[in-house]
Amino acid sequence: MATGEQIQRRDFLKKSASVLLAGAALPTLFPAAYPVEAVTPTPGKLKSPIKIGAQATLSGPFGGYGQFMKMGAELAVEEINAVGGIMGSQIEIDFRDEELKPSVAAQNARYFVDDWGADFLTGIDSSSSALGVGEVIAELDKVCIVTHAATEKLTEKLVFERGIKQIFRISVPVYQDGILAAYVAQDMPAKTWATIGADYEYGHTSWKFFKQTLKTLRPDVEFVEESWAKFLTTDFGSHITKVMNANPEGIYSTQWAGEAVTLIKQAKLFGVFDKIQTWMTPMGGAMDVLEGLGAEYPEKAWVTARYWFLYPPTPENKAFVERFHKRWNKYPHYVSETTYSAIYTIKAAVEKAGTLETAEVIKALEGLAMITPAGRRYFRPEDHQAVYEVPWGRITHDPAYPFPTLTDLRAVPAEMYYRMPPFPKA
């Protein structure tokens, strides 16, 4: 089962998941300080520059993710370098295109370390690409902080089971997309669910977690149909027809980026949103989807992301959003925040360790707690997964913004829906 300890706290979670956060600020879990742990840097200047090799999707229909990732990374580098860098050493960052291919991602990692002299690696959009890098990272022996790829296998299998300690993930895993989605869905009237899913690792795992968790929380639900769309699908007509023939009350979809935009537009043409009660898209809160759909985004849609720029309502997050908007004239995408925070995490870990030596930086990162724009993040020592809270919300159209936003925010403490070590076997 995907839920484990969480289901034992069903009553608490049912209440927590139903909390309406819009217009109400919840107390922060930790003091608004950065970092949480006191850092006393070891005297002495490190090698300069400190090189960070980053990779993202920089081309094709998903290329916008890479551009937003670069914006977040470059803003962090500019800010850190402007105040003296890391223990007196400036940061240099370079980006390469992963092309959503594991072999390319692994080649990029080798290039960064062996040819360019990278001290750290970061980025990675695709789950399969992250797993590809995971197969070579122990040999390269550099810390890699993943800022997007969501597969649970990265931390559960590679780090926890196989002991590949160089891998860390600062973004939320598929627990957010599948397990927390079920906690939100349990309070919705829909009893019959179907999926139009992404036909690869991310889509199948998210749907599996959603079904397992929701069935435990709501034994009365039924899952009536599945339709799996291949990568880069542009015509979703057959998938929509197949699913709607089963008369679902709720649809869960794992398409993201341009595919999510295309699917939702076509679903509207088919009259889907007039017939169903709820639509859930885990990646539907990404800035590119919000901007791509604009006024066409139906308000029946419930969405999330790896970070939502209006949450949490803390001084740190508000200041980050203001600085990002001033620098780029855009609001931050979730990959902007995760990569921005990854660069600051490297800074905090190096200052805590007092060295660039990988083994010492790993020790500094394990158990590290920081206040970031996305809130308090804690890197679990067991699996190197960052634990932090991101809400789900319903699409609304707020004239204060040039794109749809989220309302009716629903959240529970991240520790309550993250899978816990030791992890259950698949």
Protein backbone atom coordinates (compact mmCIF):
# COMPACT_ATOMS: atom_id res chain seq x y z
CA MET A 1 0.00 0.00 0.00
CA ALA A 2 1.04 3.56 -0.63
CA THR A 3 -0.45 5.03 2.49
CA GLY A 4 0.88 3.06 5.46
CA GLU A 5 1.10 5.20 8.56
CA GLN A 6 -0.97 7.97 7.01
CA ILE A 7 -4.14 5.89 6.88
CA GLN A 8 -3.87 5.14 10.58
CA ARG A 9 -4.44 8.85 11.10
CA ARG A 10 -7.50 8.97 8.88
CA ASP A 11 -9.66 11.07 11.18
CA PHE A 12 -6.97 13.71 11.59
CA LEU A 13 -6.28 13.85 7.89
CA LYS A 14 -9.93 14.06 6.89
CA LYS A 15 -10.21 17.16 9.05
CA SER A 16 -6.87 18.60 7.96
CA ALA A 17 -7.43 18.04 4.26
CA SER A 18 -10.72 19.87 4.50
CA VAL A 19 -9.26 23.05 5.97
CA LEU A 20 -10.02 26.03 3.78
CA LEU A 21 -6.82 28.04 3.63
CA ALA A 22 -7.85 30.77 1.21
CA GLY A 23 -7.81 34.06 3.06
CA ALA A 24 -6.45 32.51 6.25
CA ALA A 25 -2.82 32.26 7.20
CA LEU A 26 -1.84 29.18 9.15
CA PRO A 27 0.99 29.46 11.67
CA THR A 28 4.36 28.52 10.27
CA LEU A 29 5.92 25.36 11.65
CA PHE A 30 9.33 26.89 12.21
CA PRO A 31 10.82 30.33 12.87
CA ALA A 32 11.18 32.60 9.85
CA ALA A 33 14.95 32.31 9.84
CA TYR A 34 17.34 31.17 7.13
CA PRO A 35 18.90 28.74 7.57
CA VAL A 36 17.28 27.20 10.64
CA GLU A 37 20.58 25.77 11.82
CA ALA A 38 23.28 28.14 12.98
CA VAL A 39 26.20 28.04 10.57
CA THR A 40 29.75 28.90 11.55
CA PRO A 41 31.81 28.67 8.34
CA THR A 42 35.30 27.27 8.60
CA PRO A 43 37.79 30.11 7.91
CA GLY A 44 39.58 30.05 4.59
CA LYS A 45 38.64 30.50 0.98
CA LEU A 46 37.50 27.58 -1.11
CA LYS A 47 38.46 27.05 -4.75
CA SER A 48 36.96 29.69 -7.00
CA PRO A 49 34.75 29.55 -8.87
CA ILE A 50 32.56 26.85 -7.36
CA LYS A 51 31.00 25.21 -10.39
CA ILE A 52 27.43 23.92 -10.56
CA GLY A 53 26.37 21.85 -13.57
CA ALA A 54 22.64 22.07 -14.22
CA GLN A 55 20.52 20.28 -16.76
CA ALA A 56 16.92 20.75 -17.83
CA THR A 57 14.64 20.43 -20.82
CA LEU A 58 15.74 23.38 -22.94
CA SER A 59 14.26 22.41 -26.31
CA GLY A 60 11.03 21.13 -27.80
CA PRO A 61 7.50 21.50 -26.42
CA PHE A 62 8.69 21.20 -22.80
CA GLY A 63 11.52 23.70 -23.20
CA GLY A 64 9.76 26.32 -21.13
CA TYR A 65 10.55 24.30 -18.03
CA GLY A 66 14.25 24.67 -18.66
CA GLN A 67 13.95 28.41 -19.19
CA PHE A 68 12.09 28.87 -15.92
CA MET A 69 14.62 26.65 -14.18
CA LYS A 70 17.44 28.82 -15.49
CA MET A 71 15.69 31.95 -14.21
CA GLY A 72 15.54 30.60 -10.68
CA ALA A 73 19.12 29.34 -10.73
CA GLU A 74 20.56 32.53 -12.19
CA LEU A 75 18.71 34.70 -9.68
CA ALA A 76 20.16 32.67 -6.80
CA VAL A 77 23.67 32.79 -8.25
CA GLU A 78 23.44 36.56 -8.78
CA GLU A 79 22.22 37.12 -5.21
CA ILE A 80 24.86 34.90 -3.62
CA ASN A 81 27.72 36.26 -5.70
CA ALA A 82 26.66 39.83 -4.93
CA VAL A 83 27.28 39.24 -1.20
CA GLY A 84 30.59 37.44 -1.54
CA GLY A 85 29.66 34.02 -2.87
CA ILE A 86 30.17 30.90 -0.77
CA MET A 87 32.85 31.53 1.85
CA GLY A 88 34.42 34.07 -0.47
CA SER A 89 34.22 31.97 -3.64
CA GLN A 90 32.02 32.99 -6.54
CA ILE A 91 29.57 30.53 -8.11
CA GLU A 92 29.60 29.66 -11.80
CA ILE A 93 26.68 27.74 -13.30
CA ASP A 94 26.26 26.10 -16.68
CA PHE A 95 23.14 24.51 -18.22
CA ARG A 96 22.82 21.66 -20.69
CA ASP A 97 19.74 20.18 -22.38
CA GLU A 98 18.75 16.77 -21.00
CA GLU A 99 16.30 16.27 -23.92
CA LEU A 100 14.14 14.12 -21.59
CA LYS A 101 16.47 11.19 -22.38
CA PRO A 102 18.23 9.15 -19.66
CA SER A 103 21.30 8.53 -21.83
CA VAL A 104 21.69 12.24 -22.56
CA ALA A 105 21.23 13.14 -18.90
CA ALA A 106 23.94 10.66 -17.88
CA GLN A 107 26.26 12.00 -20.59
CA ASN A 108 25.64 15.56 -19.37
CA ALA A 109 26.55 14.54 -15.83
CA ARG A 110 29.79 12.98 -17.03
CA TYR A 111 30.62 16.07 -19.07
CA PHE A 112 30.02 18.41 -16.17
CA VAL A 113 32.23 16.48 -13.77
CA ASP A 114 34.94 15.02 -16.02
CA ASP A 115 35.36 17.82 -18.57
CA TRP A 116 33.99 21.02 -17.04
CA GLY A 117 35.06 20.37 -13.44
CA ALA A 118 31.69 20.71 -11.72
CA ASP A 119 31.61 20.60 -7.94
CA PHE A 120 27.83 20.01 -7.79
CA LEU A 121 25.03 18.91 -10.11
CA THR A 122 21.40 20.00 -10.10
CA GLY A 123 18.21 20.19 -12.17
CA ILE A 124 16.70 17.28 -14.16
CA ASP A 125 13.09 17.32 -15.39
CA SER A 126 12.35 13.73 -16.39
CA SER A 127 12.01 10.89 -13.89
CA SER A 128 13.74 8.51 -16.27
CA SER A 129 16.56 11.02 -16.74
CA ALA A 130 16.99 11.31 -12.97
CA LEU A 131 17.24 7.53 -12.69
CA GLY A 132 19.78 7.57 -15.52
CA VAL A 133 21.95 10.09 -13.68
CA GLY A 134 21.50 8.03 -10.53
CA GLU A 135 23.28 5.11 -12.18
CA VAL A 136 26.49 7.12 -12.72
CA ILE A 137 26.49 9.60 -9.84
CA ALA A 138 28.29 7.36 -7.34
CA GLU A 139 31.14 6.93 -9.82
CA LEU A 140 31.28 10.69 -10.42
CA ASP A 141 31.04 11.26 -6.64
CA LYS A 142 29.42 14.68 -6.70
CA VAL A 143 26.29 15.75 -4.87
CA CYS A 144 23.31 16.05 -7.23
CA ILE A 145 20.23 17.95 -6.02
CA VAL A 146 17.23 17.06 -8.21
CA THR A 147 14.79 19.94 -8.61
CA HIS A 148 11.92 18.46 -10.63
CA ALA A 149 11.86 14.72 -11.45
CA ALA A 150 9.29 13.15 -9.14
CA THR A 151 9.64 9.37 -9.22
CA GLU A 152 9.71 7.86 -5.76
CA LYS A 153 12.26 5.32 -6.99
CA LEU A 154 14.97 8.01 -6.99
CA THR A 155 14.99 8.29 -3.22
CA GLU A 156 13.32 5.06 -2.11
CA LYS A 157 15.33 2.70 -4.33
CA LEU A 158 18.56 4.45 -5.27
CA VAL A 159 19.26 6.27 -2.00
CA PHE A 160 17.50 4.24 0.70
CA GLU A 161 17.87 0.70 -0.68
CA ARG A 162 21.06 0.93 -2.75
CA GLY A 163 22.86 3.53 -0.65
CA ILE A 164 23.68 6.00 -3.45
CA LYS A 165 24.28 8.88 -1.06
CA GLN A 166 25.19 11.56 -3.62
CA ILE A 167 21.51 11.99 -4.63
CA PHE A 168 19.20 14.51 -2.93
CA ARG A 169 15.80 15.81 -4.05
CA ILE A 170 14.54 19.25 -3.07
CA SER A 171 11.19 19.03 -4.89
CA VAL A 172 8.13 17.02 -3.86
CA PRO A 173 7.89 13.45 -5.20
CA VAL A 174 4.82 11.71 -6.62
CA TYR A 175 3.48 11.49 -3.06
CA GLN A 176 2.16 14.99 -3.74
CA ASP A 177 0.59 14.01 -7.04
CA GLY A 178 -0.99 10.71 -6.05
CA ILE A 179 -1.30 10.33 -2.29
CA LEU A 180 -2.17 13.91 -1.34
CA ALA A 181 -4.52 14.08 -4.34
CA ALA A 182 -6.48 11.24 -2.77
CA TYR A 183 -6.71 13.04 0.57
CA VAL A 184 -8.21 16.00 -1.27
CA ALA A 185 -10.51 13.81 -3.39
CA GLN A 186 -11.92 11.94 -0.40
CA ASP A 187 -14.06 14.96 0.52
CA MET A 188 -15.40 15.42 -3.00
CA PRO A 189 -18.73 13.92 -4.09
CA ALA A 190 -17.27 11.95 -7.01
CA LYS A 191 -17.47 8.18 -6.44
CA THR A 192 -16.45 6.89 -9.86
CA TRP A 193 -13.04 7.86 -11.22
CA ALA A 194 -11.14 7.45 -14.46
CA THR A 195 -7.76 8.58 -15.71
CA ILE A 196 -6.35 10.01 -18.89
CA GLY A 197 -2.76 9.36 -17.94
CA ALA A 198 0.76 9.93 -19.17
CA ASP A 199 1.99 6.57 -20.45
CA TYR A 200 5.32 6.46 -18.66
CA GLU A 201 6.83 6.19 -15.17
CA TYR A 202 5.35 9.37 -13.71
CA GLY A 203 1.80 8.82 -14.94
CA HIS A 204 1.48 5.17 -13.95
CA THR A 205 3.00 5.62 -10.48
CA SER A 206 0.88 8.67 -9.65
CA TRP A 207 -2.34 6.90 -10.66
CA LYS A 208 -1.35 3.81 -8.66
CA PHE A 209 -0.80 5.88 -5.52
CA PHE A 210 -4.04 7.81 -6.09
CA LYS A 211 -6.10 4.63 -6.44
CA GLN A 212 -4.52 2.83 -3.49
CA THR A 213 -4.90 5.78 -1.15
CA LEU A 214 -8.39 6.86 -2.18
CA LYS A 215 -9.75 3.32 -2.02
CA THR A 216 -8.48 3.04 1.55
CA LEU A 217 -9.91 6.42 2.55
CA ARG A 218 -13.17 5.93 0.63
CA PRO A 219 -14.06 2.24 0.16
CA ASP A 220 -17.16 3.29 -1.79
CA VAL A 221 -15.19 4.70 -4.75
CA GLU A 222 -14.82 2.83 -8.04
CA PHE A 223 -12.20 3.20 -10.78
CA VAL A 224 -14.03 2.69 -14.02
CA GLU A 225 -11.58 3.37 -16.85
CA GLU A 226 -7.96 4.07 -17.79
CA SER A 227 -6.63 5.55 -21.01
CA TRP A 228 -2.89 6.01 -21.45
CA ALA A 229 -1.59 8.68 -23.82
CA LYS A 230 1.88 8.28 -25.27
CA PHE A 231 4.47 11.00 -24.80
CA LEU A 232 3.90 14.01 -27.11
CA THR A 233 0.26 13.15 -27.85
CA THR A 234 -1.50 16.01 -29.62
CA ASP A 235 -4.92 14.46 -30.31
CA PHE A 236 -6.62 13.25 -27.14
CA GLY A 237 -9.99 12.61 -28.80
CA SER A 238 -9.87 8.81 -28.57
CA HIS A 239 -8.73 8.96 -24.93
CA ILE A 240 -11.51 11.37 -23.98
CA THR A 241 -14.13 9.25 -25.73
CA LYS A 242 -12.92 6.04 -24.11
CA VAL A 243 -13.00 7.52 -20.62
CA MET A 244 -16.31 9.34 -21.01
CA ASN A 245 -18.01 6.15 -22.25
CA ALA A 246 -17.48 4.84 -18.70
CA ASN A 247 -19.45 7.81 -17.25
CA PRO A 248 -16.96 8.82 -14.54
CA GLU A 249 -17.83 11.49 -12.01
CA GLY A 250 -14.17 12.43 -11.55
CA ILE A 251 -11.18 12.43 -13.90
CA TYR A 252 -7.57 12.33 -12.74
CA SER A 253 -5.02 13.36 -15.37
CA THR A 254 -1.21 13.35 -15.19
CA GLN A 255 -0.51 15.26 -18.39
CA TRP A 256 1.75 18.27 -17.87
CA ALA A 257 3.09 21.31 -19.76
CA GLY A 258 1.74 21.67 -23.30
CA GLU A 259 0.05 18.27 -23.21
CA ALA A 260 -2.06 19.36 -20.22
CA VAL A 261 -3.07 22.52 -22.06
CA THR A 262 -4.03 20.57 -25.18
CA LEU A 263 -5.93 17.88 -23.27
CA ILE A 264 -7.99 20.35 -21.24
CA LYS A 265 -8.86 22.44 -24.30
CA GLN A 266 -9.99 19.33 -26.17
CA ALA A 267 -11.92 18.06 -23.13
CA LYS A 268 -13.82 21.33 -23.09
CA LEU A 269 -14.71 20.89 -26.77
CA PHE A 270 -16.05 17.42 -25.96
CA GLY A 271 -18.22 18.88 -23.18
CA VAL A 272 -16.41 16.92 -20.49
CA PHE A 273 -16.64 19.65 -17.87
CA ASP A 274 -20.42 19.81 -18.27
CA LYS A 275 -20.71 16.11 -17.43
CA ILE A 276 -18.24 15.46 -14.62
CA GLN A 277 -18.07 16.74 -11.06
CA THR A 278 -14.30 17.00 -10.59
CA TRP A 279 -11.14 17.15 -12.67
CA MET A 280 -7.75 16.71 -10.97
CA THR A 281 -4.42 17.50 -12.63
CA PRO A 282 -1.35 17.32 -10.36
CA MET A 283 0.80 19.44 -12.66
CA GLY A 284 -2.02 21.80 -13.57
CA GLY A 285 -0.76 24.50 -11.20
CA ALA A 286 2.43 25.00 -13.18
CA MET A 287 2.85 28.50 -14.56
CA ASP A 288 3.06 27.36 -18.19
CA VAL A 289 -0.27 25.54 -17.91
CA LEU A 290 -1.94 28.48 -16.19
CA GLU A 291 -0.68 30.88 -18.85
CA GLY A 292 -1.39 28.46 -21.68
CA LEU A 293 -5.03 27.98 -20.76
CA GLY A 294 -5.79 31.45 -19.44
CA ALA A 295 -9.50 32.21 -19.41
CA GLU A 296 -10.24 28.74 -20.82
CA TYR A 297 -9.18 26.98 -17.62
CA PRO A 298 -12.35 25.45 -16.11
CA GLU A 299 -13.05 26.20 -12.47
CA LYS A 300 -13.94 22.54 -11.88
CA ALA A 301 -10.24 21.74 -12.12
CA TRP A 302 -8.27 20.98 -8.97
CA VAL A 303 -4.50 21.31 -9.35
CA THR A 304 -1.18 21.46 -7.57
CA ALA A 305 2.51 21.70 -8.46
CA ARG A 306 5.90 21.40 -6.74
CA TYR A 307 5.44 24.96 -5.38
CA TRP A 308 2.70 27.59 -5.67
CA PHE A 309 3.96 31.16 -5.74
CA LEU A 310 1.32 32.50 -3.32
CA TYR A 311 1.98 29.80 -0.71
CA PRO A 312 3.05 29.91 2.03
CA PRO A 313 2.15 33.52 2.90
CA THR A 314 5.51 34.15 4.57
CA PRO A 315 7.87 37.12 4.32
CA GLU A 316 10.49 34.88 2.69
CA ASN A 317 8.17 33.75 -0.07
CA LYS A 318 6.71 37.18 -0.72
CA ALA A 319 10.20 38.67 -0.97
CA PHE A 320 11.32 35.93 -3.36
CA VAL A 321 8.31 36.44 -5.64
CA GLU A 322 8.93 40.19 -5.69
CA ARG A 323 12.62 39.77 -6.53
CA PHE A 324 11.89 37.17 -9.19
CA HIS A 325 9.21 39.32 -10.82
CA LYS A 326 11.44 42.38 -10.75
CA ARG A 327 14.32 40.44 -12.36
CA TRP A 328 12.37 38.55 -15.04
CA ASN A 329 8.98 40.33 -15.30
CA LYS A 330 7.35 36.95 -14.67
CA TYR A 331 5.99 35.09 -11.69
CA PRO A 332 8.04 32.06 -10.63
CA HIS A 333 7.27 28.65 -12.01
CA TYR A 334 7.67 25.86 -9.48
CA VAL A 335 10.95 24.77 -11.08
CA SER A 336 12.17 28.34 -10.62
CA GLU A 337 11.71 28.07 -6.86
CA THR A 338 13.04 24.54 -6.48
CA THR A 339 16.20 25.34 -8.41
CA TYR A 340 16.64 28.70 -6.68
CA SER A 341 16.39 26.93 -3.34
CA ALA A 342 18.75 24.15 -4.49
CA ILE A 343 21.50 26.72 -5.09
CA TYR A 344 20.97 28.20 -1.63
CA THR A 345 20.96 24.68 -0.18
CA ILE A 346 24.39 24.07 -1.70
CA LYS A 347 25.59 27.30 -0.10
CA ALA A 348 24.23 26.31 3.33
CA ALA A 349 25.70 22.81 3.14
CA VAL A 350 29.16 23.97 2.06
CA GLU A 351 29.25 26.60 4.77
CA LYS A 352 28.19 24.03 7.35
CA ALA A 353 30.77 21.50 6.13
CA GLY A 354 33.50 24.09 5.58
CA THR A 355 34.67 22.15 2.53
CA LEU A 356 33.67 21.01 -0.96
CA GLU A 357 34.52 17.40 -0.17
CA THR A 358 31.52 15.30 -1.20
CA ALA A 359 31.43 13.07 1.88
CA GLU A 360 31.41 16.06 4.22
CA VAL A 361 28.78 17.93 2.18
CA ILE A 362 26.55 14.84 2.29
CA LYS A 363 26.84 14.80 6.09
CA ALA A 364 25.93 18.48 6.18
CA LEU A 365 22.88 17.95 3.97
CA GLU A 366 21.50 14.96 5.84
CA GLY A 367 19.02 16.33 8.35
CA LEU A 368 19.50 19.92 7.16
CA ALA A 369 16.48 22.14 7.83
CA MET A 370 16.03 25.46 6.05
CA ILE A 371 13.36 28.09 5.56
CA THR A 372 13.00 28.58 1.80
CA PRO A 373 10.40 30.43 -0.30
CA ALA A 374 8.34 27.20 -0.37
CA GLY A 375 8.47 27.05 3.40
CA ARG A 376 10.42 24.88 5.82
CA ARG A 377 12.35 22.11 4.08
CA TYR A 378 13.95 19.20 5.87
CA PHE A 379 16.23 16.68 4.13
CA ARG A 380 15.53 13.25 5.58
CA PRO A 381 18.81 11.44 6.35
CA GLU A 382 17.38 8.06 5.36
CA ASP A 383 16.44 8.81 1.74
CA HIS A 384 17.60 12.40 1.12
CA GLN A 385 14.08 13.52 0.23
CA ALA A 386 13.19 17.10 1.15
CA VAL A 387 9.98 17.21 3.17
CA TYR A 388 7.85 20.33 2.75
CA GLU A 389 4.21 21.27 2.24
CA VAL A 390 2.49 22.28 -1.01
CA PRO A 391 -1.29 22.76 -1.23
CA TRP A 392 -3.83 21.65 -3.78
CA GLY A 393 -6.34 24.25 -4.96
CA ARG A 394 -9.26 24.87 -7.26
CA ILE A 395 -8.81 26.99 -10.37
CA THR A 396 -10.29 30.48 -10.19
CA HIS A 397 -9.95 33.60 -12.31
CA ASP A 398 -8.64 36.51 -10.26
CA PRO A 399 -8.46 39.83 -12.16
CA ALA A 400 -5.41 40.75 -10.09
CA TYR A 401 -3.33 38.31 -12.16
CA PRO A 402 -3.00 37.81 -15.93
CA PHE A 403 -3.56 34.05 -15.56
CA PRO A 404 -5.77 31.70 -13.52
CA THR A 405 -4.89 31.24 -9.85
CA LEU A 406 -5.79 28.79 -7.08
CA THR A 407 -8.47 29.13 -4.45
CA ASP A 408 -9.98 26.81 -1.79
CA LEU A 409 -6.45 25.71 -0.90
CA ARG A 410 -6.23 22.33 0.83
CA ALA A 411 -3.11 21.16 2.65
CA VAL A 412 -1.96 18.77 5.33
CA PRO A 413 1.49 18.58 6.95
CA ALA A 414 3.86 16.95 4.48
CA GLU A 415 5.05 14.41 7.05
CA MET A 416 1.53 13.01 7.12
CA TYR A 417 1.33 11.93 3.47
CA TYR A 418 4.96 11.27 2.58
CA ARG A 419 5.83 7.58 2.52
CA MET A 420 8.13 6.81 5.40
CA PRO A 421 11.28 4.67 5.55
CA PRO A 422 11.41 1.69 5.55
CA PHE A 423 9.37 1.83 2.37
CA PRO A 424 6.83 -0.85 1.42
CA LYS A 425 7.80 -3.11 -1.43
CA ALA A 426 6.09 -2.54 -4.76
